[in-house]
Protein backbone atom coordinates (compact mmCIF):
# COMPACT_ATOMS: atom_id res chain seq x y z
CA MET A 1 -21.67 -66.23 1.15
CA SER A 2 -22.03 -67.34 4.76
CA GLU A 3 -22.36 -64.85 7.59
CA TYR A 4 -19.69 -66.74 9.56
CA ASP A 5 -16.24 -68.23 8.95
CA LEU A 6 -16.03 -71.00 11.56
CA GLU A 7 -18.47 -73.15 13.53
CA LEU A 8 -18.46 -74.60 17.03
CA ASP A 9 -21.00 -77.28 17.85
CA ALA A 10 -21.43 -77.41 21.64
CA LYS A 11 -24.88 -79.00 21.56
CA GLY A 12 -25.42 -81.53 24.33
CA LEU A 13 -22.60 -80.18 26.47
CA MET A 14 -23.10 -78.60 29.88
CA CYS A 15 -21.30 -75.76 31.64
CA PRO A 16 -18.36 -75.21 31.64
CA GLU A 17 -17.61 -77.26 28.49
CA PRO A 18 -19.11 -74.88 25.86
CA VAL A 19 -17.07 -71.91 27.10
CA MET A 20 -13.93 -74.03 27.47
CA MET A 21 -14.34 -75.12 23.84
CA LEU A 22 -14.95 -71.50 22.85
CA HIS A 23 -11.63 -70.46 24.44
CA VAL A 24 -9.83 -73.04 22.28
CA LYS A 25 -11.71 -72.17 19.08
CA VAL A 26 -11.12 -68.40 19.22
CA LYS A 27 -7.37 -69.07 19.23
CA GLU A 28 -7.79 -70.50 15.70
CA MET A 29 -9.47 -67.30 14.50
CA THR A 30 -7.86 -64.29 12.87
CA ALA A 31 -8.98 -60.69 13.38
CA GLY A 32 -12.35 -59.99 11.78
CA GLN A 33 -13.46 -63.61 11.51
CA VAL A 34 -16.90 -64.61 12.76
CA LEU A 35 -17.61 -67.79 14.71
CA LYS A 36 -21.03 -69.43 14.87
CA VAL A 37 -21.64 -71.29 18.14
CA GLU A 38 -24.58 -73.65 18.68
CA ALA A 39 -25.32 -74.85 22.20
CA THR A 40 -28.17 -76.40 24.14
CA ASP A 41 -27.11 -75.39 27.66
CA PRO A 42 -29.23 -72.36 28.70
CA SER A 43 -26.35 -71.07 30.85
CA THR A 44 -24.51 -70.19 27.63
CA THR A 45 -26.86 -67.21 27.26
CA ARG A 46 -25.10 -65.72 30.27
CA ASP A 47 -21.64 -67.28 29.93
CA ILE A 48 -20.97 -66.44 26.27
CA LYS A 49 -22.11 -62.85 26.78
CA LYS A 50 -19.67 -62.52 29.70
CA PHE A 51 -16.89 -64.22 27.71
CA CYS A 52 -17.26 -61.66 24.92
CA SER A 53 -17.50 -58.72 27.31
CA PHE A 54 -14.42 -59.68 29.33
CA LEU A 55 -12.22 -60.62 26.38
CA GLY A 56 -13.28 -57.92 23.91
CA TYR A 57 -15.06 -60.06 21.35
CA GLU A 58 -18.17 -58.72 19.62
CA LEU A 59 -21.34 -60.71 20.27
CA MET A 60 -23.00 -59.94 16.94
CA SER A 61 -26.16 -61.96 17.61
CA GLN A 62 -27.69 -64.26 20.17
CA GLN A 63 -30.91 -66.16 19.55
CA GLU A 64 -32.80 -69.30 20.40
CA THR A 65 -33.41 -71.09 17.13
CA GLY A 66 -36.05 -73.45 18.47
CA SER A 67 -35.90 -76.98 19.83
CA GLY A 68 -33.69 -75.68 22.66
CA VAL A 69 -30.73 -74.63 20.51
CA PHE A 70 -29.02 -71.33 21.22
CA GLU A 71 -27.04 -69.74 18.39
CA TYR A 72 -24.37 -67.07 18.73
CA LEU A 73 -22.29 -65.14 16.21
CA ILE A 74 -19.02 -63.90 17.71
CA LYS A 75 -16.54 -61.65 15.94
CA LYS A 76 -12.85 -61.54 16.82
CA PRO A 77 -11.48 -58.00 17.08
């Protein structure tokens, strides 16, 4: 079983595109679902954390997976 329900590939996109895509994707989610986001823009380390904080989503994990890819697991309340 996967640790996430949906994926968002924002690799290669620069601010503000990853967060704009995230806004759209979370609307598809139901309560309790987990979204995996992959991005290469370093500003997502700040922007996604703020997104979750302001909108009440749980940032379950945030890590750099290597080769410049940042991975996030976000849970919808």
